[in-house]
Amino acid sequence: MNVEQIVPLIHATPTKAVLYITGGGTEVLPMLLVRGGGSATLLSARVPYANAETAELLGGEPEKYVSETTTRQLAMAAFQKALALRTGDEPVIGVACSSSLQKTPEERKGRIHHIFAALQTNSKTVSISVTIDPATMDSSQTIAMHDTPDGTPFLEHSPVTIRKWEETLNAIVVFNLIAEGCGIKERASVPGRYDFKADRHESKLGGSYLPLLLEGKINRLAFYVDGDTVTPSPTYHRDDPYSSFIMPGSYNPAHEGHFEMADYVARELIEMPNYGIDFEISIRNVEKPMLDLISLEERLKSIGKGGKRKVWLTNAPTFVEKAKVFRNPYTTFIVGYDTAIRICNPKYAGDVDAVMDVFYENDTRFVVFGREMNGVFHPGFGRDITAEEAAIAAETDEIKKSCLVVYREPDTDEIPQRFTTICIAVTEPLPNRHVSSSGIRSKSSDGHAAGIPAGTVPAGLEGCQTECQSN
């Protein structure tokens, strides 16, 4: 089908959309609007060509401005904007693209062109990556374009530059994601016979309560992980029991250092080696877009590599919010020295006294592990159970035994005594203290979507009149 036939189907749905388009694909806007009635679908559209504006939307500079990961983040930012703009409870979607298309016909030889597009709904993330090699094309090629996207015929054998064709392809990829997000099965086709490679990647996270978490209607939801198996909690009960020991983190990715900390707490502090320490990931960030579901799924699977775990997904990016979400008496958060320092830093925490008030009101506790920073190991601070045990072993006075409390003070004056009092110190350096998620990421390439079976066409490009191959 062509665009002219599909647009009325899109506008007839209740779904509202926000679009963020950069690098190419702006033709999608007249496709949606030129016939009138666009307000039935479009809430907002931005074309952030300046890197500074893209960074503003993302809450900071991305590692790459044109990439699959950045585009998914833009789609999530668009989705969150749509949630903020809607006036009722109608479904909303965020759609984004970031592209590097032909600059000029005389551009550097060997430059590969990319189109990254993404769809975010309240239940799935879809990512499409298109790779175009200009070396396989003839920029002066003439092609018949009777079936143009908007239904307006070109002259037969009219010359079409690579850039023009790429812009049309880019717009159609975005348009088809909008159609998918609105629940429309039909897809628009792309004219011409240029070759390109395409990948489609879609999140597999399920569960009937996940949309409620993304829309902020609930604050927490449990998933169970084991290796690559990720299973959503089948129920959500507002008053179900909370966990006692929780290890929050971004887990991008989880690694041996994380598992080592959890196992240490179970073995040495709880004295139950098989006790399952729960992990927690906040899908919301104070300044950045929420985690898209493809990224979230990758992080859950990385936790699963450490064995069976319960992982809480929350809308609680700060420890003040976590303390309120997990308000069970004596909920204990497991953190590293660097995180503990930030908890008490006014730059991040604001009014530190108010933060401490929340912790005391909710009986929140912390286990603080030592962390190596800039080549210096900083031991954990708080109640030193190891020192207490050593003293008790050498003590004969039963009264002194029962009253013994030993605190290890932090090696900085920035930590208030009120915080040290509710912490348990782990002072010994663990074997995997050098491992970090950022170090692991720096050694790996920017992860693109897994390839699709050879000879298939990714959903969202099904209607393309071209030869698609998987990467």
Protein backbone atom coordinates (compact mmCIF):
# COMPACT_ATOMS: atom_id res chain seq x y z
CA MET A 1 0.00 0.00 0.00
CA ASN A 2 1.07 3.61 -0.32
CA VAL A 3 1.15 6.32 2.31
CA GLU A 4 -2.02 8.00 1.05
CA GLN A 5 -4.01 4.85 1.80
CA ILE A 6 -2.55 4.24 5.25
CA VAL A 7 -2.65 7.76 6.72
CA PRO A 8 -6.46 7.74 7.25
CA LEU A 9 -6.12 4.39 9.05
CA ILE A 10 -3.55 5.90 11.40
CA HIS A 11 -5.62 9.02 12.10
CA ALA A 12 -8.67 6.85 12.83
CA THR A 13 -6.96 5.25 15.85
CA PRO A 14 -6.95 6.84 19.32
CA THR A 15 -3.15 6.61 19.56
CA LYS A 16 -1.19 9.85 19.92
CA ALA A 17 2.46 10.23 18.90
CA VAL A 18 5.51 12.37 19.55
CA LEU A 19 8.32 12.28 16.96
CA TYR A 20 12.02 13.18 17.29
CA ILE A 21 13.68 13.13 13.87
CA THR A 22 17.36 13.94 13.24
CA GLY A 23 19.71 13.36 10.34
CA GLY A 24 17.03 12.49 7.80
CA GLY A 25 13.45 11.29 7.40
CA THR A 26 11.69 14.64 7.83
CA GLU A 27 9.50 13.77 4.83
CA VAL A 28 7.41 11.77 7.28
CA LEU A 29 5.90 15.01 8.61
CA PRO A 30 4.17 16.09 5.38
CA MET A 31 3.13 12.46 4.90
CA LEU A 32 1.14 12.72 8.13
CA LEU A 33 0.00 16.33 7.87
CA VAL A 34 -0.47 17.37 4.24
CA ARG A 35 -3.95 15.85 3.99
CA GLY A 36 -5.25 17.47 7.16
CA GLY A 37 -6.40 15.74 10.31
CA GLY A 38 -2.85 15.33 11.60
CA SER A 39 -3.81 16.51 15.08
CA ALA A 40 -5.71 13.25 15.48
CA THR A 41 -2.33 11.54 15.80
CA LEU A 42 0.52 14.00 16.23
CA LEU A 43 1.08 15.62 19.63
CA SER A 44 4.49 17.07 18.85
CA ALA A 45 7.43 16.73 16.48
CA ARG A 46 10.99 18.01 16.83
CA VAL A 47 13.93 17.99 14.43
CA PRO A 48 16.98 18.31 16.72
CA TYR A 49 19.70 18.71 14.09
CA ALA A 50 22.05 20.50 16.50
CA ASN A 51 23.93 18.06 18.72
CA ALA A 52 23.23 20.35 21.68
CA GLU A 53 19.47 19.92 21.26
CA THR A 54 19.79 16.14 20.97
CA ALA A 55 21.86 16.16 24.17
CA GLU A 56 19.18 18.29 25.83
CA LEU A 57 16.51 15.72 24.96
CA LEU A 58 18.70 12.91 26.28
CA GLY A 59 19.80 14.69 29.45
CA GLY A 60 23.46 14.59 28.40
CA GLU A 61 25.79 13.81 25.53
CA PRO A 62 25.41 10.28 24.14
CA GLU A 63 28.41 8.12 23.29
CA LYS A 64 27.36 8.45 19.63
CA TYR A 65 24.79 10.82 18.18
CA VAL A 66 23.86 8.40 15.39
CA SER A 67 23.42 4.89 16.76
CA GLU A 68 20.80 2.32 17.63
CA THR A 69 21.18 2.97 21.35
CA THR A 70 20.82 6.75 21.00
CA THR A 71 17.75 6.33 18.81
CA ARG A 72 16.06 4.06 21.34
CA GLN A 73 16.76 6.67 24.00
CA LEU A 74 15.24 9.37 21.79
CA ALA A 75 12.15 7.20 21.23
CA MET A 76 11.79 6.76 24.99
CA ALA A 77 12.18 10.51 25.51
CA ALA A 78 9.45 11.03 22.90
CA PHE A 79 7.23 8.47 24.65
CA GLN A 80 7.66 10.24 27.99
CA LYS A 81 6.83 13.55 26.33
CA ALA A 82 3.69 11.98 24.87
CA LEU A 83 2.65 10.79 28.34
CA ALA A 84 3.07 14.36 29.60
CA LEU A 85 1.10 15.89 26.72
CA ARG A 86 -1.89 13.57 26.55
CA THR A 87 -5.09 14.90 28.05
CA GLY A 88 -6.71 11.59 28.94
CA ASP A 89 -5.76 7.94 29.17
CA GLU A 90 -5.42 7.37 25.43
CA PRO A 91 -2.52 5.20 24.19
CA VAL A 92 0.66 7.09 23.24
CA ILE A 93 3.85 6.22 21.37
CA GLY A 94 7.26 7.75 20.87
CA VAL A 95 9.04 7.38 17.51
CA ALA A 96 12.54 8.57 16.70
CA CYS A 97 15.30 8.26 14.14
CA SER A 98 18.93 9.27 13.85
CA SER A 99 20.57 8.93 10.47
CA SER A 100 23.73 9.58 8.52
CA LEU A 101 22.74 9.79 4.87
CA GLN A 102 24.54 10.99 1.76
CA LYS A 103 26.07 14.43 2.40
CA THR A 104 26.76 15.37 -1.23
CA PRO A 105 27.27 13.35 -4.43
CA GLU A 106 31.00 14.09 -4.01
CA GLU A 107 31.29 12.79 -0.44
CA ARG A 108 34.20 10.65 0.70
CA LYS A 109 34.35 7.26 -1.01
CA GLY A 110 33.66 4.31 1.22
CA ARG A 111 31.38 6.21 3.62
CA ILE A 112 28.58 3.89 4.75
CA HIS A 113 25.14 5.38 5.34
CA HIS A 114 22.93 4.43 8.31
CA ILE A 115 19.30 4.82 9.30
CA PHE A 116 18.36 4.03 12.91
CA ALA A 117 14.68 4.21 13.84
CA ALA A 118 12.86 3.18 17.00
CA LEU A 119 9.33 2.83 18.37
CA GLN A 120 8.46 3.00 22.06
CA THR A 121 5.06 2.03 23.45
CA ASN A 122 4.01 1.19 26.99
CA SER A 123 4.69 -2.50 26.32
CA LYS A 124 7.51 -2.80 23.78
CA THR A 125 10.56 -1.23 22.18
CA VAL A 126 11.23 -1.81 18.47
CA SER A 127 14.50 -0.87 16.80
CA ILE A 128 15.29 -0.94 13.07
CA SER A 129 18.81 -0.46 11.71
CA VAL A 130 19.34 0.07 7.99
CA THR A 131 22.79 0.02 6.36
CA ILE A 132 23.34 1.43 2.85
CA ASP A 133 26.59 1.06 0.91
CA PRO A 134 26.76 3.76 -1.79
CA ALA A 135 29.41 1.70 -3.60
CA THR A 136 26.61 -0.60 -4.77
CA MET A 137 24.67 2.32 -6.28
CA ASP A 138 24.89 4.58 -9.25
CA SER A 139 23.94 8.11 -8.20
CA SER A 140 22.99 8.98 -11.78
CA GLN A 141 20.76 5.95 -12.11
CA THR A 142 17.29 6.60 -13.49
CA ILE A 143 14.47 4.57 -12.04
CA ALA A 144 10.77 4.40 -12.69
CA MET A 145 8.87 5.76 -9.69
CA HIS A 146 5.21 5.47 -10.54
CA ASP A 147 4.30 4.28 -7.03
CA THR A 148 5.60 7.10 -4.87
CA PRO A 149 4.77 7.16 -1.15
CA ASP A 150 2.34 10.07 -1.41
CA GLY A 151 0.71 8.77 -4.56
CA THR A 152 2.08 11.56 -6.78
CA PRO A 153 3.74 9.99 -9.84
CA PHE A 154 7.24 10.97 -10.89
CA LEU A 155 8.03 11.24 -14.56
CA GLU A 156 9.06 7.85 -15.84
CA HIS A 157 12.85 7.42 -15.62
CA SER A 158 13.30 10.71 -13.76
CA PRO A 159 16.79 10.98 -12.19
CA VAL A 160 16.80 10.42 -8.44
CA THR A 161 19.89 11.04 -6.33
CA ILE A 162 20.98 8.64 -3.63
CA ARG A 163 20.12 11.26 -0.99
CA LYS A 164 16.58 11.68 -2.28
CA TRP A 165 16.02 7.93 -2.25
CA GLU A 166 17.54 7.61 1.23
CA GLU A 167 15.31 10.38 2.55
CA THR A 168 12.28 8.59 1.18
CA LEU A 169 13.41 5.25 2.62
CA ASN A 170 14.11 6.91 5.97
CA ALA A 171 10.68 8.52 6.07
CA ILE A 172 8.97 5.24 5.16
CA VAL A 173 10.80 3.36 7.91
CA VAL A 174 9.62 5.95 10.45
CA PHE A 175 6.12 6.03 8.96
CA ASN A 176 5.78 2.24 9.19
CA LEU A 177 6.84 2.33 12.85
CA ILE A 178 4.13 4.91 13.50
CA ALA A 179 1.63 2.61 11.79
CA GLU A 180 2.83 -0.32 13.90
CA GLY A 181 2.57 1.73 17.08
CA CYS A 182 -1.03 2.62 16.16
CA GLY A 183 -1.88 -1.04 15.65
CA ILE A 184 -2.16 -0.79 11.85
CA LYS A 185 -1.12 -3.96 10.01
CA GLU A 186 -0.63 -2.33 6.61
CA ARG A 187 2.81 -0.98 5.63
CA ALA A 188 3.88 1.56 3.03
CA SER A 189 6.29 0.50 0.28
CA VAL A 190 9.50 2.17 -0.88
CA PRO A 191 9.97 2.86 -4.61
CA GLY A 192 13.12 1.89 -6.44
CA ARG A 193 15.45 -1.10 -6.55
CA TYR A 194 18.48 -0.04 -4.50
CA ASP A 195 19.80 -2.70 -2.12
CA PHE A 196 20.19 -2.23 1.62
CA LYS A 197 20.66 -4.33 4.73
CA ALA A 198 18.25 -4.13 7.63
CA ASP A 199 17.91 -5.51 11.16
CA ARG A 200 14.89 -5.47 13.43
CA HIS A 201 15.16 -5.92 17.18
CA GLU A 202 12.14 -6.05 19.49
CA SER A 203 12.00 -6.39 23.26
CA LYS A 204 10.62 -9.67 24.58
CA LEU A 205 9.72 -8.50 28.09
CA GLY A 206 6.12 -9.28 28.90
CA GLY A 207 3.69 -9.14 31.77
CA SER A 208 0.39 -7.38 32.12
CA TYR A 209 1.74 -4.93 34.71
CA LEU A 210 4.74 -3.66 32.72
CA PRO A 211 2.66 -0.94 30.96
CA LEU A 212 1.54 0.32 34.38
CA LEU A 213 5.16 0.64 35.47
CA LEU A 214 6.16 2.55 32.31
CA GLU A 215 3.21 4.91 32.69
CA GLY A 216 4.07 5.55 36.35
CA LYS A 217 0.86 4.00 37.69
CA ILE A 218 2.77 1.56 39.92
CA ASN A 219 6.19 2.06 41.49
CA ARG A 220 7.65 -1.43 41.50
CA LEU A 221 7.38 -4.75 39.70
CA ALA A 222 9.31 -7.99 40.16
CA PHE A 223 10.95 -10.07 37.45
CA TYR A 224 12.68 -13.41 37.95
CA VAL A 225 15.87 -14.11 36.03
CA ASP A 226 17.93 -17.25 35.50
CA GLY A 227 20.52 -17.16 32.73
CA ASP A 228 18.80 -15.74 29.63
CA THR A 229 15.35 -16.59 30.98
CA VAL A 230 13.40 -13.53 32.16
CA THR A 231 9.96 -14.12 33.70
CA PRO A 232 7.62 -11.35 34.86
CA SER A 233 5.84 -11.66 38.17
CA PRO A 234 2.37 -13.06 37.38
CA THR A 235 0.65 -10.81 39.91
CA TYR A 236 0.92 -7.38 41.43
CA HIS A 237 -0.30 -6.86 44.98
CA ARG A 238 0.09 -3.46 46.54
CA ASP A 239 0.50 -4.95 50.02
CA ASP A 240 2.68 -7.97 49.29
CA PRO A 241 5.81 -8.44 51.45
CA TYR A 242 8.85 -6.42 50.50
CA SER A 243 12.40 -7.68 50.40
CA SER A 244 14.83 -7.21 53.28
CA PHE A 245 18.16 -7.02 51.41
CA ILE A 246 18.23 -5.24 48.07
CA MET A 247 21.17 -4.32 45.85
CA PRO A 248 20.29 -1.36 43.60
CA GLY A 249 22.28 -0.58 40.45
CA SER A 250 22.13 0.20 36.76
CA TYR A 251 23.76 -3.16 35.84
CA ASN A 252 24.98 -2.04 32.43
CA PRO A 253 26.02 -4.83 32.56
CA ALA A 254 26.00 -6.86 35.79
CA HIS A 255 29.34 -8.53 36.51
CA GLU A 256 31.24 -10.74 38.96
CA GLY A 257 31.84 -7.86 41.34
CA HIS A 258 28.07 -7.45 41.82
CA PHE A 259 27.49 -11.16 42.37
CA GLU A 260 30.44 -11.29 44.79
CA MET A 261 28.92 -8.50 46.92
CA ALA A 262 25.51 -10.21 47.04
CA ASP A 263 27.04 -13.58 47.95
CA TYR A 264 29.19 -11.97 50.67
CA VAL A 265 26.12 -10.44 52.35
CA ALA A 266 24.26 -13.76 52.26
CA ARG A 267 27.25 -15.74 53.54
CA GLU A 268 28.88 -13.40 56.05
CA LEU A 269 26.16 -11.03 57.29
CA ILE A 270 22.95 -13.05 57.03
CA GLU A 271 24.86 -16.34 57.50
CA MET A 272 22.60 -18.04 54.96
CA PRO A 273 24.76 -18.79 51.88
CA ASN A 274 21.74 -19.77 49.77
CA TYR A 275 19.77 -16.63 50.64
CA GLY A 276 18.80 -14.86 47.45
CA ILE A 277 19.74 -11.18 47.59
CA ASP A 278 17.31 -9.20 45.44
CA PHE A 279 18.60 -6.78 42.81
CA GLU A 280 16.88 -3.50 41.83
CA ILE A 281 16.93 -1.38 38.68
CA SER A 282 15.18 1.97 38.45
CA ILE A 283 13.79 2.41 34.95
CA ARG A 284 13.65 6.16 35.59
CA ASN A 285 16.61 8.49 35.78
CA VAL A 286 16.66 11.87 37.46
CA GLU A 287 17.80 13.72 34.31
CA LYS A 288 17.76 11.18 31.45
CA PRO A 289 14.98 9.27 29.64
CA MET A 290 13.68 6.03 31.09
CA LEU A 291 15.40 2.80 30.12
CA ASP A 292 14.00 1.41 26.90
CA LEU A 293 12.84 -2.20 27.11
CA ILE A 294 15.58 -3.63 24.87
CA SER A 295 18.24 -2.16 27.14
CA LEU A 296 16.33 -3.29 30.21
CA GLU A 297 16.05 -6.84 28.88
CA GLU A 298 19.81 -6.93 28.22
CA ARG A 299 20.51 -5.81 31.80
CA LEU A 300 18.12 -8.36 33.30
CA LYS A 301 19.82 -11.14 31.35
CA SER A 302 23.23 -9.97 32.54
CA ILE A 303 21.99 -10.36 36.12
CA GLY A 304 20.65 -13.80 35.22
CA LYS A 305 24.18 -14.92 34.35
CA GLY A 306 24.85 -14.91 38.09
CA GLY A 307 22.11 -17.46 38.72
CA LYS A 308 18.50 -17.27 39.84
CA ARG A 309 17.54 -13.85 41.15
CA LYS A 310 14.53 -11.69 41.83
CA VAL A 311 14.99 -8.25 40.26
CA TRP A 312 12.78 -5.34 41.23
CA LEU A 313 12.05 -2.77 38.52
CA THR A 314 11.05 0.53 40.07
CA ASN A 315 10.26 4.15 39.34
CA ALA A 316 12.60 5.19 42.16
CA PRO A 317 15.82 6.77 40.83
CA THR A 318 16.94 8.19 44.22
CA PHE A 319 17.50 6.43 47.53
CA VAL A 320 14.91 8.66 49.16
CA GLU A 321 12.36 7.26 46.72
CA LYS A 322 13.69 3.71 47.14
CA ALA A 323 13.31 4.01 50.91
CA LYS A 324 9.65 4.91 50.43
CA VAL A 325 8.98 2.17 47.85
CA PHE A 326 10.64 -0.50 50.01
CA ARG A 327 9.28 0.75 53.30
CA ASN A 328 9.49 -2.58 55.12
CA PRO A 329 11.18 -2.03 58.51
CA TYR A 330 14.94 -2.49 58.25
CA THR A 331 15.09 -2.84 54.49
CA THR A 332 18.82 -2.86 53.83
CA PHE A 333 20.34 -1.51 50.62
CA ILE A 334 23.71 -2.90 49.53
CA VAL A 335 25.95 -0.21 48.03
CA GLY A 336 29.56 0.61 47.31
CA TYR A 337 31.60 3.35 48.97
CA ASP A 338 31.25 5.65 45.94
CA THR A 339 27.45 5.38 45.95
CA ALA A 340 27.32 5.96 49.72
CA ILE A 341 29.32 9.15 49.30
CA ARG A 342 26.88 10.44 46.66
CA ILE A 343 23.92 9.71 48.93
CA CYS A 344 25.29 12.32 51.32
CA ASN A 345 26.53 14.80 48.74
CA PRO A 346 24.29 17.91 48.59
CA LYS A 347 25.06 18.16 44.85
CA TYR A 348 23.04 14.97 44.31
CA ALA A 349 20.96 14.69 47.49
CA GLY A 350 19.97 18.29 48.13
CA ASP A 351 19.01 18.72 51.79
CA VAL A 352 21.03 15.92 53.43
CA ASP A 353 19.22 16.29 56.77
CA ALA A 354 15.89 15.78 55.01
CA VAL A 355 17.31 12.68 53.31
CA MET A 356 18.39 11.27 56.67
CA ASP A 357 14.91 11.99 58.07
CA VAL A 358 13.36 9.79 55.36
CA PHE A 359 15.81 6.96 56.08
CA TYR A 360 15.04 7.08 59.81
CA GLU A 361 11.27 7.34 59.27
CA ASN A 362 11.35 4.20 57.10
CA ASP A 363 13.94 2.28 59.19
CA THR A 364 16.23 2.09 56.16
CA ARG A 365 19.67 0.53 56.55
CA PHE A 366 22.75 0.21 54.30
CA VAL A 367 25.62 -2.21 53.83
CA VAL A 368 28.62 -0.23 52.53
CA PHE A 369 31.34 -2.12 50.65
CA GLY A 370 34.82 -0.73 50.13
CA ARG A 371 35.63 0.54 46.66
CA GLU A 372 38.86 1.26 44.83
CA MET A 373 38.81 4.77 43.40
CA ASN A 374 41.69 6.32 41.45
CA GLY A 375 44.01 3.57 42.65
CA VAL A 376 43.12 4.03 46.35
CA PHE A 377 40.99 1.52 48.27
CA HIS A 378 38.38 3.16 50.50
CA PRO A 379 36.94 0.69 53.06
CA GLY A 380 33.28 0.65 53.88
CA PHE A 381 32.05 2.59 56.89
CA GLY A 382 29.41 2.05 59.57
CA ARG A 383 28.97 -0.64 62.19
CA ASP A 384 31.97 -2.95 61.94
CA ILE A 385 30.59 -6.43 62.63
CA THR A 386 33.96 -8.08 61.95
CA ALA A 387 35.65 -5.99 64.65
CA GLU A 388 32.82 -6.75 67.08
CA GLU A 389 33.16 -10.48 66.54
CA ALA A 390 36.91 -10.32 67.10
CA ALA A 391 36.42 -8.37 70.34
CA ILE A 392 33.69 -10.69 71.58
CA ALA A 393 35.88 -13.72 70.96
CA ALA A 394 38.51 -12.27 73.32
CA GLU A 395 36.04 -10.93 75.92
CA THR A 396 34.86 -12.75 79.03
CA ASP A 397 32.48 -10.17 80.48
CA GLU A 398 29.00 -11.09 79.22
CA ILE A 399 27.63 -7.59 79.87
CA LYS A 400 30.32 -6.01 77.73
CA LYS A 401 29.68 -8.58 75.02
CA SER A 402 26.01 -7.63 74.74
CA CYS A 403 26.70 -3.89 74.70
CA LEU A 404 29.60 -3.93 72.25
CA VAL A 405 29.07 -1.78 69.13
CA VAL A 406 32.06 -0.84 66.99
CA TYR A 407 31.82 1.78 64.24
CA ARG A 408 34.31 2.33 61.48
CA GLU A 409 34.28 6.00 60.62
CA PRO A 410 34.45 7.03 56.92
CA ASP A 411 37.78 8.36 55.61
CA THR A 412 36.08 11.64 54.73
CA ASP A 413 34.41 14.40 56.73
CA GLU A 414 31.55 14.63 54.22
CA ILE A 415 29.51 11.80 55.79
CA PRO A 416 27.13 12.82 58.61
CA GLN A 417 27.16 10.71 61.77
CA ARG A 418 23.44 10.03 61.30
CA PHE A 419 24.25 8.12 58.12
CA THR A 420 27.21 6.20 59.55
CA THR A 421 24.94 4.99 62.36
CA ILE A 422 22.56 3.19 59.97
CA CYS A 423 25.33 1.57 57.91
CA ILE A 424 27.14 -1.76 58.21
CA ALA A 425 30.76 -1.68 57.05
CA VAL A 426 32.47 -4.23 54.84
CA THR A 427 36.10 -3.26 55.22
CA GLU A 428 37.93 -6.04 53.43
CA PRO A 429 38.69 -5.67 49.69
CA LEU A 430 36.93 -8.31 47.60
CA PRO A 431 38.77 -10.09 44.76
CA ASN A 432 36.64 -8.54 41.97
CA ARG A 433 36.69 -4.97 43.29
CA HIS A 434 38.53 -3.86 40.12
CA VAL A 435 35.72 -4.95 37.78
CA SER A 436 33.38 -2.20 36.58
CA SER A 437 30.48 -2.00 34.16
CA SER A 438 32.00 1.01 32.41
CA GLY A 439 35.24 -0.91 31.88
CA ILE A 440 33.32 -3.81 30.35
CA ARG A 441 31.42 -1.44 28.04
CA SER A 442 34.60 0.27 26.89
CA LYS A 443 35.97 -3.07 25.72
CA SER A 444 32.87 -3.94 23.69
CA SER A 445 31.53 -2.32 20.55
CA ASP A 446 28.29 -0.34 20.44
CA GLY A 447 25.84 -3.25 20.55
CA HIS A 448 23.54 -3.31 17.58
CA ALA A 449 20.56 -5.58 17.27
CA ALA A 450 21.01 -9.26 16.62
CA GLY A 451 20.68 -10.22 12.99
CA ILE A 452 17.46 -11.48 11.47
CA PRO A 453 17.30 -14.72 9.46
CA ALA A 454 18.78 -14.36 6.00
CA GLY A 455 16.28 -13.72 3.26
CA THR A 456 13.63 -12.20 5.55
CA VAL A 457 12.40 -8.65 5.66
CA PRO A 458 12.11 -6.94 9.06
CA ALA A 459 8.64 -6.03 10.21
CA GLY A 460 8.20 -2.36 9.47
CA LEU A 461 9.84 -2.83 6.08
CA GLU A 462 7.62 -5.63 4.81
CA GLY A 463 6.20 -3.45 2.06
CA CYS A 464 9.55 -2.26 0.72
CA GLN A 465 10.00 -2.98 -2.97
CA THR A 466 13.66 -3.76 -2.55
CA GLU A 467 15.98 -6.60 -1.72
CA CYS A 468 16.62 -6.76 2.02
CA GLN A 469 19.36 -8.84 3.60
CA SER A 470 20.28 -9.39 7.21
CA ASN A 471 23.56 -8.12 8.61
